[in-house]
Amino acid sequence: MNKLLSILIAAVFAAVSFSAVAADAASAAPVAKAEAKKEEAKSADEAKPAKKAKKAKKHKKAKKADDAAK
């Protein structure tokens, strides 16, 4: 009976600990997701000037081609 009680208490402790860790991980997931979105936005903002420069270069080429065709 003594061993059974010890095993039962240990099982309850393990179950409660596991559920606490799972709840903590679930509440931390939105924070990690938000940080990941910030990083994506930051890298996208850094890529914008290069994209604008490419667009301007392409526009300039097209304008030059139109002027040469006239």
PDB file of N, CA and C in Angstrom:
ATOM      1  N   MET A   1       0.827  -1.192   0.000  1.00  0.00           N
ATOM      2  CA  MET A   1       0.000   0.000   0.000  1.00  0.00           C
ATOM      3  C   MET A   1       0.869   1.252   0.000  1.00  0.00           C
ATOM      4  N   ASN A   2       1.977   1.192   0.759  1.00  0.00           N
ATOM      5  CA  ASN A   2       2.867   2.332   0.853  1.00  0.00           C
ATOM      6  C   ASN A   2       3.505   2.647  -0.510  1.00  0.00           C
ATOM      7  N   LYS A   3       3.915   1.603  -1.229  1.00  0.00           N
ATOM      8  CA  LYS A   3       4.512   1.789  -2.545  1.00  0.00           C
ATOM      9  C   LYS A   3       3.488   2.343  -3.538  1.00  0.00           C
ATOM     10  N   LEU A   4       2.272   1.846  -3.445  1.00  0.00           N
ATOM     11  CA  LEU A   4       1.217   2.298  -4.337  1.00  0.00           C
ATOM     12  C   LEU A   4       0.956   3.789  -4.150  1.00  0.00           C
ATOM     13  N   LEU A   5       0.914   4.216  -2.898  1.00  0.00           N
ATOM     14  CA  LEU A   5       0.695   5.628  -2.593  1.00  0.00           C
ATOM     15  C   LEU A   5       1.850   6.476  -3.128  1.00  0.00           C
ATOM     16  N   SER A   6       3.069   6.014  -2.978  1.00  0.00           N
ATOM     17  CA  SER A   6       4.238   6.740  -3.479  1.00  0.00           C
ATOM     18  C   SER A   6       4.188   6.858  -4.998  1.00  0.00           C
ATOM     19  N   ILE A   7       3.847   5.781  -5.662  1.00  0.00           N
ATOM     20  CA  ILE A   7       3.760   5.797  -7.127  1.00  0.00           C
ATOM     21  C   ILE A   7       2.651   6.730  -7.589  1.00  0.00           C
ATOM     22  N   LEU A   8       1.528   6.711  -6.896  1.00  0.00           N
ATOM     23  CA  LEU A   8       0.405   7.571  -7.231  1.00  0.00           C
ATOM     24  C   LEU A   8       0.773   9.050  -7.083  1.00  0.00           C
ATOM     25  N   ILE A   9       1.453   9.389  -5.995  1.00  0.00           N
ATOM     26  CA  ILE A   9       1.874  10.780  -5.771  1.00  0.00           C
ATOM     27  C   ILE A   9       2.880  11.206  -6.838  1.00  0.00           C
ATOM     28  N   ALA A  10       3.811  10.332  -7.168  1.00  0.00           N
ATOM     29  CA  ALA A  10       4.794  10.642  -8.199  1.00  0.00           C
ATOM     30  C   ALA A  10       4.124  10.839  -9.555  1.00  0.00           C
ATOM     31  N   ALA A  11       3.130  10.040  -9.879  1.00  0.00           N
ATOM     32  CA  ALA A  11       2.418  10.163 -11.151  1.00  0.00           C
ATOM     33  C   ALA A  11       1.646  11.475 -11.229  1.00  0.00           C
ATOM     34  N   VAL A  12       0.994  11.839 -10.130  1.00  0.00           N
ATOM     35  CA  VAL A  12       0.254  13.104 -10.099  1.00  0.00           C
ATOM     36  C   VAL A  12       1.220  14.279 -10.248  1.00  0.00           C
ATOM     37  N   PHE A  13       2.342  14.213  -9.560  1.00  0.00           N
ATOM     38  CA  PHE A  13       3.349  15.277  -9.676  1.00  0.00           C
ATOM     39  C   PHE A  13       3.853  15.399 -11.116  1.00  0.00           C
ATOM     40  N   ALA A  14       4.124  14.271 -11.757  1.00  0.00           N
ATOM     41  CA  ALA A  14       4.606  14.290 -13.136  1.00  0.00           C
ATOM     42  C   ALA A  14       3.558  14.866 -14.080  1.00  0.00           C
ATOM     43  N   ALA A  15       2.311  14.489 -13.872  1.00  0.00           N
ATOM     44  CA  ALA A  15       1.232  14.981 -14.738  1.00  0.00           C
ATOM     45  C   ALA A  15       1.057  16.494 -14.587  1.00  0.00           C
ATOM     46  N   VAL A  16       1.086  16.979 -13.365  1.00  0.00           N
ATOM     47  CA  VAL A  16       0.927  18.416 -13.126  1.00  0.00           C
ATOM     48  C   VAL A  16       2.113  19.185 -13.695  1.00  0.00           C
ATOM     49  N   SER A  17       3.302  18.661 -13.528  1.00  0.00           N
ATOM     50  CA  SER A  17       4.496  19.315 -14.070  1.00  0.00           C
ATOM     51  C   SER A  17       4.439  19.368 -15.588  1.00  0.00           C
ATOM     52  N   PHE A  18       4.044  18.258 -16.193  1.00  0.00           N
ATOM     53  CA  PHE A  18       3.946  18.207 -17.657  1.00  0.00           C
ATOM     54  C   PHE A  18       2.925  19.207 -18.172  1.00  0.00           C
ATOM     55  N   SER A  19       1.773  19.293 -17.520  1.00  0.00           N
ATOM     56  CA  SER A  19       0.735  20.216 -17.979  1.00  0.00           C
ATOM     57  C   SER A  19       1.181  21.669 -17.803  1.00  0.00           C
ATOM     58  N   ALA A  20       1.942  21.964 -16.754  1.00  0.00           N
ATOM     59  CA  ALA A  20       2.439  23.322 -16.544  1.00  0.00           C
ATOM     60  C   ALA A  20       3.441  23.702 -17.630  1.00  0.00           C
ATOM     61  N   VAL A  21       4.317  22.779 -17.989  1.00  0.00           N
ATOM     62  CA  VAL A  21       5.299  23.048 -19.044  1.00  0.00           C
ATOM     63  C   VAL A  21       4.588  23.222 -20.381  1.00  0.00           C
ATOM     64  N   ALA A  22       3.582  22.401 -20.651  1.00  0.00           N
ATOM     65  CA  ALA A  22       2.839  22.500 -21.907  1.00  0.00           C
ATOM     66  C   ALA A  22       2.091  23.829 -21.979  1.00  0.00           C
ATOM     67  N   ALA A  23       1.512  24.268 -20.895  1.00  0.00           N
ATOM     68  CA  ALA A  23       0.790  25.542 -20.876  1.00  0.00           C
ATOM     69  C   ALA A  23       1.752  26.702 -21.077  1.00  0.00           C
ATOM     70  N   ASP A  24       2.928  26.606 -20.494  1.00  0.00           N
ATOM     71  CA  ASP A  24       3.930  27.655 -20.637  1.00  0.00           C
ATOM     72  C   ASP A  24       4.406  27.750 -22.091  1.00  0.00           C
ATOM     73  N   ALA A  25       4.614  26.620 -22.721  1.00  0.00           N
ATOM     74  CA  ALA A  25       5.064  26.602 -24.109  1.00  0.00           C
ATOM     75  C   ALA A  25       3.977  27.145 -25.029  1.00  0.00           C
ATOM     76  N   ALA A  26       2.740  26.865 -24.734  1.00  0.00           N
ATOM     77  CA  ALA A  26       1.633  27.351 -25.564  1.00  0.00           C
ATOM     78  C   ALA A  26       1.486  28.859 -25.449  1.00  0.00           C
ATOM     79  N   SER A  27       1.699  29.413 -24.275  1.00  0.00           N
ATOM     80  CA  SER A  27       1.575  30.859 -24.108  1.00  0.00           C
ATOM     81  C   SER A  27       2.779  31.590 -24.684  1.00  0.00           C
ATOM     82  N   ALA A  28       3.908  30.927 -24.801  1.00  0.00           N
ATOM     83  CA  ALA A  28       5.103  31.556 -25.360  1.00  0.00           C
ATOM     84  C   ALA A  28       5.082  31.527 -26.884  1.00  0.00           C
ATOM     85  N   ALA A  29       4.292  30.660 -27.481  1.00  0.00           N
ATOM     86  CA  ALA A  29       4.250  30.537 -28.939  1.00  0.00           C
ATOM     87  C   ALA A  29       3.817  31.832 -29.628  1.00  0.00           C
ATOM     88  N   PRO A  30       2.776  32.542 -29.176  1.00  0.00           N
ATOM     89  CA  PRO A  30       2.403  33.784 -29.850  1.00  0.00           C
ATOM     90  C   PRO A  30       3.510  34.842 -29.783  1.00  0.00           C
ATOM     91  N   VAL A  31       4.246  34.864 -28.695  1.00  0.00           N
ATOM     92  CA  VAL A  31       5.333  35.825 -28.561  1.00  0.00           C
ATOM     93  C   VAL A  31       6.423  35.514 -29.584  1.00  0.00           C
ATOM     94  N   ALA A  32       6.757  34.247 -29.717  1.00  0.00           N
ATOM     95  CA  ALA A  32       7.775  33.850 -30.685  1.00  0.00           C
ATOM     96  C   ALA A  32       7.302  34.121 -32.106  1.00  0.00           C
ATOM     97  N   LYS A  33       6.035  33.908 -32.352  1.00  0.00           N
ATOM     98  CA  LYS A  33       5.477  34.156 -33.683  1.00  0.00           C
ATOM     99  C   LYS A  33       5.540  35.651 -34.010  1.00  0.00           C
ATOM    100  N   ALA A  34       5.235  36.496 -33.024  1.00  0.00           N
ATOM    101  CA  ALA A  34       5.274  37.940 -33.238  1.00  0.00           C
ATOM    102  C   ALA A  34       6.707  38.397 -33.515  1.00  0.00           C
ATOM    103  N   GLU A  35       7.665  37.823 -32.787  1.00  0.00           N
ATOM    104  CA  GLU A  35       9.066  38.179 -33.014  1.00  0.00           C
ATOM    105  C   GLU A  35       9.514  37.751 -34.405  1.00  0.00           C
ATOM    106  N   ALA A  36       9.053  36.606 -34.852  1.00  0.00           N
ATOM    107  CA  ALA A  36       9.408  36.126 -36.188  1.00  0.00           C
ATOM    108  C   ALA A  36       8.840  37.047 -37.261  1.00  0.00           C
ATOM    109  N   LYS A  37       7.622  37.525 -37.053  1.00  0.00           N
ATOM    110  CA  LYS A  37       7.012  38.454 -38.012  1.00  0.00           C
ATOM    111  C   LYS A  37       7.784  39.767 -38.053  1.00  0.00           C
ATOM    112  N   LYS A  38       8.249  40.238 -36.880  1.00  0.00           N
ATOM    113  CA  LYS A  38       9.036  41.472 -36.848  1.00  0.00           C
ATOM    114  C   LYS A  38      10.330  41.311 -37.630  1.00  0.00           C
ATOM    115  N   GLU A  39      10.968  40.153 -37.473  1.00  0.00           N
ATOM    116  CA  GLU A  39      12.209  39.880 -38.201  1.00  0.00           C
ATOM    117  C   GLU A  39      11.960  39.843 -39.709  1.00  0.00           C
ATOM    118  N   GLU A  40      10.849  39.230 -40.122  1.00  0.00           N
ATOM    119  CA  GLU A  40      10.509  39.174 -41.544  1.00  0.00           C
ATOM    120  C   GLU A  40      10.267  40.571 -42.087  1.00  0.00           C
ATOM    121  N   ALA A  41       9.545  41.389 -41.326  1.00  0.00           N
ATOM    122  CA  ALA A  41       9.251  42.746 -41.764  1.00  0.00           C
ATOM    123  C   ALA A  41      10.539  43.560 -41.863  1.00  0.00           C
ATOM    124  N   LYS A  42      11.422  43.345 -40.915  1.00  0.00           N
ATOM    125  CA  LYS A  42      12.683  44.071 -40.910  1.00  0.00           C
ATOM    126  C   LYS A  42      13.524  43.706 -42.134  1.00  0.00           C
ATOM    127  N   SER A  43      13.598  42.411 -42.446  1.00  0.00           N
ATOM    128  CA  SER A  43      14.379  41.984 -43.599  1.00  0.00           C
ATOM    129  C   SER A  43      13.717  42.449 -44.896  1.00  0.00           C
ATOM    130  N   ALA A  44      12.389  42.514 -44.917  1.00  0.00           N
ATOM    131  CA  ALA A  44      11.684  42.999 -46.104  1.00  0.00           C
ATOM    132  C   ALA A  44      11.950  44.489 -46.303  1.00  0.00           C
ATOM    133  N   ASP A  45      11.998  45.240 -45.196  1.00  0.00           N
ATOM    134  CA  ASP A  45      12.286  46.673 -45.298  1.00  0.00           C
ATOM    135  C   ASP A  45      13.703  46.915 -45.799  1.00  0.00           C
ATOM    136  N   GLU A  46      14.627  46.047 -45.390  1.00  0.00           N
ATOM    137  CA  GLU A  46      16.003  46.191 -45.852  1.00  0.00           C
ATOM    138  C   GLU A  46      16.121  45.865 -47.335  1.00  0.00           C
ATOM    139  N   ALA A  47      15.250  45.014 -47.833  1.00  0.00           N
ATOM    140  CA  ALA A  47      15.303  44.606 -49.235  1.00  0.00           C
ATOM    141  C   ALA A  47      14.612  45.625 -50.144  1.00  0.00           C
ATOM    142  N   LYS A  48      13.788  46.493 -49.601  1.00  0.00           N
ATOM    143  CA  LYS A  48      13.029  47.453 -50.411  1.00  0.00           C
ATOM    144  C   LYS A  48      13.905  48.405 -51.220  1.00  0.00           C
ATOM    145  N   PRO A  49      14.956  49.001 -50.661  1.00  0.00           N
ATOM    146  CA  PRO A  49      15.754  49.917 -51.474  1.00  0.00           C
ATOM    147  C   PRO A  49      16.357  49.233 -52.710  1.00  0.00           C
ATOM    148  N   ALA A  50      16.790  48.017 -52.558  1.00  0.00           N
ATOM    149  CA  ALA A  50      17.360  47.294 -53.693  1.00  0.00           C
ATOM    150  C   ALA A  50      16.284  47.037 -54.736  1.00  0.00           C
ATOM    151  N   LYS A  51      15.099  46.718 -54.280  1.00  0.00           N
ATOM    152  CA  LYS A  51      13.993  46.461 -55.193  1.00  0.00           C
ATOM    153  C   LYS A  51      13.621  47.751 -55.933  1.00  0.00           C
ATOM    154  N   LYS A  52      13.603  48.874 -55.211  1.00  0.00           N
ATOM    155  CA  LYS A  52      13.280  50.158 -55.840  1.00  0.00           C
ATOM    156  C   LYS A  52      14.332  50.530 -56.866  1.00  0.00           C
ATOM    157  N   ALA A  53      15.591  50.254 -56.551  1.00  0.00           N
ATOM    158  CA  ALA A  53      16.668  50.584 -57.477  1.00  0.00           C
ATOM    159  C   ALA A  53      16.534  49.753 -58.758  1.00  0.00           C
ATOM    160  N   LYS A  54      16.190  48.492 -58.622  1.00  0.00           N
ATOM    161  CA  LYS A  54      15.984  47.642 -59.792  1.00  0.00           C
ATOM    162  C   LYS A  54      14.834  48.158 -60.642  1.00  0.00           C
ATOM    163  N   LYS A  55      13.754  48.567 -59.971  1.00  0.00           N
ATOM    164  CA  LYS A  55      12.588  49.077 -60.690  1.00  0.00           C
ATOM    165  C   LYS A  55      12.941  50.357 -61.445  1.00  0.00           C
ATOM    166  N   ALA A  56      13.689  51.238 -60.797  1.00  0.00           N
ATOM    167  CA  ALA A  56      14.078  52.488 -61.423  1.00  0.00           C
ATOM    168  C   ALA A  56      14.978  52.215 -62.626  1.00  0.00           C
ATOM    169  N   LYS A  57      15.887  51.275 -62.484  1.00  0.00           N
ATOM    170  CA  LYS A  57      16.793  50.932 -63.570  1.00  0.00           C
ATOM    171  C   LYS A  57      16.013  50.367 -64.757  1.00  0.00           C
ATOM    172  N   LYS A  58      15.047  49.514 -64.455  1.00  0.00           N
ATOM    173  CA  LYS A  58      14.219  48.916 -65.496  1.00  0.00           C
ATOM    174  C   LYS A  58      13.400  49.998 -66.208  1.00  0.00           C
ATOM    175  N   HIS A  59      12.850  50.922 -65.433  1.00  0.00           N
ATOM    176  CA  HIS A  59      12.052  52.015 -65.986  1.00  0.00           C
ATOM    177  C   HIS A  59      12.914  52.903 -66.879  1.00  0.00           C
ATOM    178  N   LYS A  60      14.137  53.138 -66.426  1.00  0.00           N
ATOM    179  CA  LYS A  60      15.063  53.972 -67.187  1.00  0.00           C
ATOM    180  C   LYS A  60      15.394  53.319 -68.532  1.00  0.00           C
ATOM    181  N   LYS A  61      15.613  51.995 -68.504  1.00  0.00           N
ATOM    182  CA  LYS A  61      15.905  51.257 -69.738  1.00  0.00           C
ATOM    183  C   LYS A  61      14.733  51.335 -70.702  1.00  0.00           C
ATOM    184  N   ALA A  62      13.527  51.165 -70.172  1.00  0.00           N
ATOM    185  CA  ALA A  62      12.332  51.200 -71.013  1.00  0.00           C
ATOM    186  C   ALA A  62      12.162  52.586 -71.631  1.00  0.00           C
ATOM    187  N   LYS A  63      12.419  53.611 -70.860  1.00  0.00           N
ATOM    188  CA  LYS A  63      12.290  54.986 -71.358  1.00  0.00           C
ATOM    189  C   LYS A  63      13.328  55.247 -72.444  1.00  0.00           C
ATOM    190  N   LYS A  64      14.536  54.747 -72.222  1.00  0.00           N
ATOM    191  CA  LYS A  64      15.616  54.901 -73.197  1.00  0.00           C
ATOM    192  C   LYS A  64      15.261  54.196 -74.499  1.00  0.00           C
ATOM    193  N   ALA A  65      14.671  53.022 -74.400  1.00  0.00           N
ATOM    194  CA  ALA A  65      14.271  52.252 -75.579  1.00  0.00           C
ATOM    195  C   ALA A  65      13.168  52.981 -76.335  1.00  0.00           C
ATOM    196  N   ASP A  66      12.233  53.584 -75.608  1.00  0.00           N
ATOM    197  CA  ASP A  66      11.154  54.335 -76.239  1.00  0.00           C
ATOM    198  C   ASP A  66      11.712  55.564 -76.966  1.00  0.00           C
ATOM    199  N   ASP A  67      12.672  56.245 -76.331  1.00  0.00           N
ATOM    200  CA  ASP A  67      13.281  57.426 -76.949  1.00  0.00           C
ATOM    201  C   ASP A  67      14.063  57.037 -78.213  1.00  0.00           C
ATOM    202  N   ALA A  68      14.713  55.906 -78.173  1.00  0.00           N
ATOM    203  CA  ALA A  68      15.490  55.441 -79.329  1.00  0.00           C
ATOM    204  C   ALA A  68      14.545  55.030 -80.458  1.00  0.00           C
ATOM    205  N   ALA A  69      13.375  54.535 -80.155  1.00  0.00           N
ATOM    206  CA  ALA A  69      12.412  54.102 -81.163  1.00  0.00           C
ATOM    207  C   ALA A  69      11.779  55.299 -81.870  1.00  0.00           C
ATOM    208  N   LYS A  70      11.743  56.429 -81.220  1.00  0.00           N
ATOM    209  CA  LYS A  70      11.117  57.626 -81.822  1.00  0.00           C
ATOM    210  C   LYS A  70      12.040  58.232 -82.774  1.00  0.00           C
TER     211      LYS A  70
END
